[in-house]
Amino acid sequence: MSQPPAWAGERVVDEATAGRLIGTAFPDLASEPVTALAEGWDSTVFRVGDEWAFQFPRRSMVVPALRREAAVLPDLAPSLPLPISVPERVADDDAAEPWPFAGCRFIP
């Protein structure tokens, strides 16, 4: 049996899945277009409409960090000299979707 490549995430979220999950968690965004923005070792990011970027973890080891960022960054951001991505929409603790994901305002 062959092993998946080391760079393959434990979880793959494509545009359709991201759109479904975002629309379920945040119904006001259900009609917004979802486009892939970036994919890295830890996460996949999608642009949602013109205003939002949503991060989905690709590895279970990233989940605690995403939760920490969601808890800390809103308090930290106002004291920083430049804008940062602040999780404003966080979907967590859903029995149907055990992996959290977070949305920040898109910073061009």
N, C-alpha and C. Protein backbone atom coordinates (compact mmCIF):
# COMPACT_ATOMS: atom_id res chain seq x y z
N MET A 1 0.85 -1.17 0.00
CA MET A 1 0.00 0.00 0.00
C MET A 1 0.90 1.23 0.00
N SER A 2 0.61 2.17 -0.90
CA SER A 2 1.47 3.35 -1.00
C SER A 2 1.01 4.45 -0.04
N GLN A 3 1.97 5.20 0.43
CA GLN A 3 1.72 6.32 1.33
C GLN A 3 1.39 7.56 0.50
N PRO A 4 0.49 8.43 0.97
CA PRO A 4 0.28 9.70 0.26
C PRO A 4 1.54 10.56 0.39
N PRO A 5 1.76 11.47 -0.54
CA PRO A 5 2.93 12.35 -0.44
C PRO A 5 2.92 13.11 0.89
N ALA A 6 4.10 13.42 1.41
CA ALA A 6 4.22 14.10 2.70
C ALA A 6 3.52 15.45 2.71
N TRP A 7 3.44 16.09 1.56
CA TRP A 7 2.83 17.41 1.50
C TRP A 7 1.30 17.36 1.39
N ALA A 8 0.74 16.18 1.19
CA ALA A 8 -0.72 16.05 1.09
C ALA A 8 -1.34 16.27 2.47
N GLY A 9 -2.36 17.10 2.54
CA GLY A 9 -3.03 17.35 3.80
C GLY A 9 -3.88 16.17 4.23
N GLU A 10 -4.21 16.13 5.50
CA GLU A 10 -5.11 15.10 6.01
C GLU A 10 -6.53 15.33 5.52
N ARG A 11 -6.81 16.58 5.21
CA ARG A 11 -8.16 16.97 4.83
C ARG A 11 -8.10 17.90 3.63
N VAL A 12 -8.90 17.57 2.64
CA VAL A 12 -8.96 18.41 1.45
C VAL A 12 -10.31 19.11 1.42
N VAL A 13 -10.27 20.42 1.28
CA VAL A 13 -11.49 21.21 1.12
C VAL A 13 -11.38 21.91 -0.22
N ASP A 14 -12.33 21.61 -1.12
CA ASP A 14 -12.35 22.27 -2.42
C ASP A 14 -13.34 23.43 -2.39
N GLU A 15 -13.48 24.13 -3.49
CA GLU A 15 -14.36 25.30 -3.54
C GLU A 15 -15.81 24.94 -3.19
N ALA A 16 -16.29 23.84 -3.74
CA ALA A 16 -17.68 23.44 -3.48
C ALA A 16 -17.91 23.13 -2.00
N THR A 17 -16.98 22.41 -1.40
CA THR A 17 -17.09 22.07 0.02
C THR A 17 -17.00 23.32 0.88
N ALA A 18 -16.04 24.19 0.56
CA ALA A 18 -15.89 25.45 1.31
C ALA A 18 -17.18 26.26 1.21
N GLY A 19 -17.74 26.37 0.02
CA GLY A 19 -18.98 27.12 -0.15
C GLY A 19 -20.12 26.55 0.67
N ARG A 20 -20.23 25.23 0.69
CA ARG A 20 -21.29 24.58 1.48
C ARG A 20 -21.10 24.83 2.96
N LEU A 21 -19.87 24.65 3.46
CA LEU A 21 -19.59 24.84 4.89
C LEU A 21 -19.78 26.29 5.31
N ILE A 22 -19.30 27.22 4.51
CA ILE A 22 -19.44 28.64 4.83
C ILE A 22 -20.92 29.04 4.80
N GLY A 23 -21.63 28.60 3.77
CA GLY A 23 -23.04 28.93 3.65
C GLY A 23 -23.89 28.37 4.78
N THR A 24 -23.52 27.19 5.28
CA THR A 24 -24.24 26.59 6.41
C THR A 24 -23.96 27.35 7.69
N ALA A 25 -22.69 27.67 7.93
CA ALA A 25 -22.32 28.36 9.16
C ALA A 25 -22.72 29.84 9.15
N PHE A 26 -22.68 30.44 7.98
CA PHE A 26 -22.95 31.88 7.85
C PHE A 26 -23.91 32.09 6.68
N PRO A 27 -25.20 31.90 6.90
CA PRO A 27 -26.17 31.95 5.81
C PRO A 27 -26.15 33.24 4.99
N ASP A 28 -25.74 34.35 5.59
CA ASP A 28 -25.68 35.60 4.83
C ASP A 28 -24.60 35.58 3.74
N LEU A 29 -23.68 34.60 3.81
CA LEU A 29 -22.63 34.49 2.79
C LEU A 29 -22.91 33.37 1.79
N ALA A 30 -24.04 32.67 1.93
CA ALA A 30 -24.34 31.50 1.11
C ALA A 30 -24.37 31.80 -0.39
N SER A 31 -24.74 33.00 -0.77
CA SER A 31 -24.84 33.31 -2.20
C SER A 31 -23.56 33.94 -2.76
N GLU A 32 -22.57 34.16 -1.92
CA GLU A 32 -21.32 34.77 -2.38
C GLU A 32 -20.47 33.76 -3.14
N PRO A 33 -19.77 34.20 -4.19
CA PRO A 33 -18.88 33.29 -4.91
C PRO A 33 -17.68 32.91 -4.04
N VAL A 34 -17.25 31.67 -4.18
CA VAL A 34 -16.10 31.14 -3.44
C VAL A 34 -15.04 30.74 -4.45
N THR A 35 -13.83 31.30 -4.28
CA THR A 35 -12.73 30.97 -5.19
C THR A 35 -11.49 30.64 -4.38
N ALA A 36 -10.74 29.67 -4.87
CA ALA A 36 -9.50 29.28 -4.20
C ALA A 36 -8.53 30.45 -4.26
N LEU A 37 -7.89 30.73 -3.14
CA LEU A 37 -6.93 31.84 -3.06
C LEU A 37 -5.51 31.32 -2.86
N ALA A 38 -5.33 30.38 -1.92
CA ALA A 38 -3.99 29.87 -1.64
C ALA A 38 -4.09 28.53 -0.92
N GLU A 39 -3.04 27.73 -1.09
CA GLU A 39 -2.96 26.47 -0.35
C GLU A 39 -1.52 26.30 0.10
N GLY A 40 -1.36 26.02 1.39
CA GLY A 40 -0.03 25.80 1.93
C GLY A 40 0.03 24.49 2.68
N TRP A 41 1.07 24.31 3.42
CA TRP A 41 1.27 23.09 4.20
C TRP A 41 0.15 22.91 5.22
N ASP A 42 -0.22 24.01 5.90
CA ASP A 42 -1.17 23.95 7.01
C ASP A 42 -2.62 24.18 6.63
N SER A 43 -2.87 25.06 5.69
CA SER A 43 -4.24 25.51 5.44
C SER A 43 -4.50 25.76 3.97
N THR A 44 -5.79 25.79 3.64
CA THR A 44 -6.28 26.24 2.35
C THR A 44 -7.13 27.47 2.60
N VAL A 45 -6.97 28.49 1.76
CA VAL A 45 -7.69 29.75 1.94
C VAL A 45 -8.53 30.02 0.70
N PHE A 46 -9.77 30.46 0.95
CA PHE A 46 -10.70 30.78 -0.12
C PHE A 46 -11.16 32.22 0.02
N ARG A 47 -11.28 32.89 -1.09
CA ARG A 47 -11.89 34.22 -1.12
C ARG A 47 -13.39 34.03 -1.24
N VAL A 48 -14.15 34.76 -0.43
CA VAL A 48 -15.60 34.65 -0.44
C VAL A 48 -16.15 36.05 -0.73
N GLY A 49 -16.73 36.19 -1.91
CA GLY A 49 -17.17 37.51 -2.34
C GLY A 49 -15.97 38.43 -2.44
N ASP A 50 -16.22 39.72 -2.22
CA ASP A 50 -15.13 40.70 -2.27
C ASP A 50 -14.56 41.01 -0.91
N GLU A 51 -15.25 40.59 0.15
CA GLU A 51 -14.92 41.07 1.48
C GLU A 51 -14.21 40.07 2.39
N TRP A 52 -14.33 38.77 2.12
CA TRP A 52 -13.87 37.78 3.09
C TRP A 52 -12.83 36.81 2.53
N ALA A 53 -12.00 36.29 3.44
CA ALA A 53 -11.07 35.19 3.16
C ALA A 53 -11.26 34.17 4.28
N PHE A 54 -11.51 32.92 3.92
CA PHE A 54 -11.73 31.87 4.91
C PHE A 54 -10.60 30.85 4.87
N GLN A 55 -10.13 30.50 6.05
CA GLN A 55 -9.03 29.55 6.23
C GLN A 55 -9.58 28.22 6.72
N PHE A 56 -9.18 27.14 6.04
CA PHE A 56 -9.55 25.78 6.43
C PHE A 56 -8.27 25.00 6.70
N PRO A 57 -8.11 24.44 7.90
CA PRO A 57 -6.91 23.65 8.19
C PRO A 57 -6.84 22.40 7.31
N ARG A 58 -5.63 22.05 6.90
CA ARG A 58 -5.39 20.83 6.13
C ARG A 58 -4.87 19.70 7.01
N ARG A 59 -4.43 20.04 8.23
CA ARG A 59 -3.84 19.06 9.14
C ARG A 59 -4.44 19.25 10.53
N SER A 60 -4.66 18.15 11.23
CA SER A 60 -5.25 18.22 12.56
C SER A 60 -4.37 18.99 13.54
N MET A 61 -3.05 18.96 13.34
CA MET A 61 -2.14 19.66 14.25
C MET A 61 -2.30 21.18 14.15
N VAL A 62 -2.96 21.69 13.12
CA VAL A 62 -3.16 23.13 12.93
C VAL A 62 -4.39 23.62 13.69
N VAL A 63 -5.31 22.73 14.01
CA VAL A 63 -6.57 23.12 14.64
C VAL A 63 -6.37 23.90 15.94
N PRO A 64 -5.51 23.46 16.87
CA PRO A 64 -5.32 24.26 18.10
C PRO A 64 -4.79 25.68 17.81
N ALA A 65 -3.92 25.80 16.82
CA ALA A 65 -3.38 27.12 16.48
C ALA A 65 -4.46 28.02 15.90
N LEU A 66 -5.33 27.47 15.07
CA LEU A 66 -6.43 28.27 14.52
C LEU A 66 -7.34 28.76 15.64
N ARG A 67 -7.61 27.91 16.60
CA ARG A 67 -8.45 28.31 17.74
C ARG A 67 -7.76 29.40 18.57
N ARG A 68 -6.43 29.28 18.78
CA ARG A 68 -5.69 30.31 19.52
C ARG A 68 -5.72 31.64 18.77
N GLU A 69 -5.48 31.59 17.46
CA GLU A 69 -5.51 32.81 16.67
C GLU A 69 -6.88 33.49 16.77
N ALA A 70 -7.94 32.70 16.68
CA ALA A 70 -9.30 33.26 16.76
C ALA A 70 -9.55 33.91 18.11
N ALA A 71 -8.92 33.39 19.16
CA ALA A 71 -9.11 33.94 20.50
C ALA A 71 -8.24 35.18 20.75
N VAL A 72 -7.04 35.22 20.20
CA VAL A 72 -6.07 36.25 20.55
C VAL A 72 -6.02 37.43 19.56
N LEU A 73 -6.12 37.15 18.27
CA LEU A 73 -5.91 38.21 17.29
C LEU A 73 -6.90 39.37 17.37
N PRO A 74 -8.18 39.15 17.69
CA PRO A 74 -9.07 40.31 17.80
C PRO A 74 -8.61 41.32 18.86
N ASP A 75 -8.02 40.85 19.94
CA ASP A 75 -7.53 41.76 20.99
C ASP A 75 -6.18 42.38 20.62
N LEU A 76 -5.38 41.67 19.87
CA LEU A 76 -4.04 42.12 19.51
C LEU A 76 -4.05 43.13 18.35
N ALA A 77 -4.94 42.95 17.40
CA ALA A 77 -4.94 43.74 16.16
C ALA A 77 -4.96 45.25 16.38
N PRO A 78 -5.77 45.78 17.27
CA PRO A 78 -5.82 47.25 17.42
C PRO A 78 -4.50 47.88 17.86
N SER A 79 -3.63 47.12 18.48
CA SER A 79 -2.37 47.68 18.96
C SER A 79 -1.24 47.56 17.94
N LEU A 80 -1.50 46.99 16.78
CA LEU A 80 -0.47 46.81 15.76
C LEU A 80 -0.48 47.96 14.76
N PRO A 81 0.69 48.28 14.19
CA PRO A 81 0.78 49.43 13.28
C PRO A 81 0.19 49.17 11.89
N LEU A 82 0.02 47.92 11.50
CA LEU A 82 -0.52 47.56 10.20
C LEU A 82 -1.72 46.63 10.37
N PRO A 83 -2.62 46.60 9.40
CA PRO A 83 -3.76 45.69 9.52
C PRO A 83 -3.29 44.24 9.41
N ILE A 84 -3.93 43.37 10.17
CA ILE A 84 -3.68 41.94 10.11
C ILE A 84 -5.01 41.23 9.89
N SER A 85 -4.92 39.98 9.48
CA SER A 85 -6.12 39.16 9.31
C SER A 85 -6.66 38.81 10.69
N VAL A 86 -7.86 39.28 10.97
CA VAL A 86 -8.49 39.03 12.27
C VAL A 86 -9.69 38.12 12.06
N PRO A 87 -9.70 36.93 12.64
CA PRO A 87 -10.86 36.06 12.50
C PRO A 87 -12.11 36.70 13.11
N GLU A 88 -13.06 37.03 12.26
CA GLU A 88 -14.32 37.62 12.71
C GLU A 88 -15.46 36.62 12.64
N ARG A 89 -15.32 35.64 11.79
CA ARG A 89 -16.35 34.61 11.63
C ARG A 89 -15.68 33.26 11.84
N VAL A 90 -15.99 32.64 12.95
CA VAL A 90 -15.36 31.37 13.31
C VAL A 90 -16.43 30.30 13.45
N ALA A 91 -16.26 29.23 12.72
CA ALA A 91 -17.16 28.08 12.82
C ALA A 91 -16.41 26.99 13.57
N ASP A 92 -16.92 26.65 14.74
CA ASP A 92 -16.25 25.67 15.60
C ASP A 92 -17.30 24.90 16.39
N ASP A 93 -16.93 23.75 16.86
CA ASP A 93 -17.79 22.94 17.73
C ASP A 93 -19.11 22.55 17.08
N ASP A 94 -19.04 22.18 15.81
CA ASP A 94 -20.21 21.69 15.10
C ASP A 94 -20.05 20.18 14.96
N ALA A 95 -20.98 19.43 15.47
CA ALA A 95 -20.89 17.97 15.43
C ALA A 95 -20.80 17.45 14.00
N ALA A 96 -21.47 18.14 13.07
CA ALA A 96 -21.43 17.71 11.68
C ALA A 96 -20.12 18.08 11.00
N GLU A 97 -19.41 19.07 11.54
CA GLU A 97 -18.15 19.53 10.96
C GLU A 97 -17.15 19.75 12.09
N PRO A 98 -16.40 18.69 12.44
CA PRO A 98 -15.54 18.78 13.62
C PRO A 98 -14.30 19.67 13.46
N TRP A 99 -13.91 20.01 12.25
CA TRP A 99 -12.74 20.87 12.05
C TRP A 99 -13.21 22.32 11.97
N PRO A 100 -12.68 23.20 12.80
CA PRO A 100 -13.08 24.61 12.74
C PRO A 100 -12.52 25.27 11.48
N PHE A 101 -13.11 26.38 11.12
CA PHE A 101 -12.57 27.24 10.06
C PHE A 101 -12.91 28.67 10.41
N ALA A 102 -12.16 29.61 9.83
CA ALA A 102 -12.32 31.00 10.23
C ALA A 102 -12.28 31.94 9.03
N GLY A 103 -13.07 33.01 9.13
CA GLY A 103 -13.12 34.03 8.10
C GLY A 103 -12.62 35.36 8.60
N CYS A 104 -11.78 36.00 7.81
CA CYS A 104 -11.24 37.33 8.10
C CYS A 104 -11.62 38.26 6.96
N ARG A 105 -11.64 39.55 7.24
CA ARG A 105 -11.83 40.52 6.16
C ARG A 105 -10.64 40.39 5.21
N PHE A 106 -10.91 40.42 3.92
CA PHE A 106 -9.85 40.32 2.93
C PHE A 106 -9.03 41.60 2.95
N ILE A 107 -7.72 41.45 3.04
CA ILE A 107 -6.81 42.61 3.00
C ILE A 107 -6.10 42.55 1.65
N PRO A 108 -6.44 43.49 0.75
CA PRO A 108 -5.81 43.45 -0.61
C PRO A 108 -4.29 43.64 -0.53
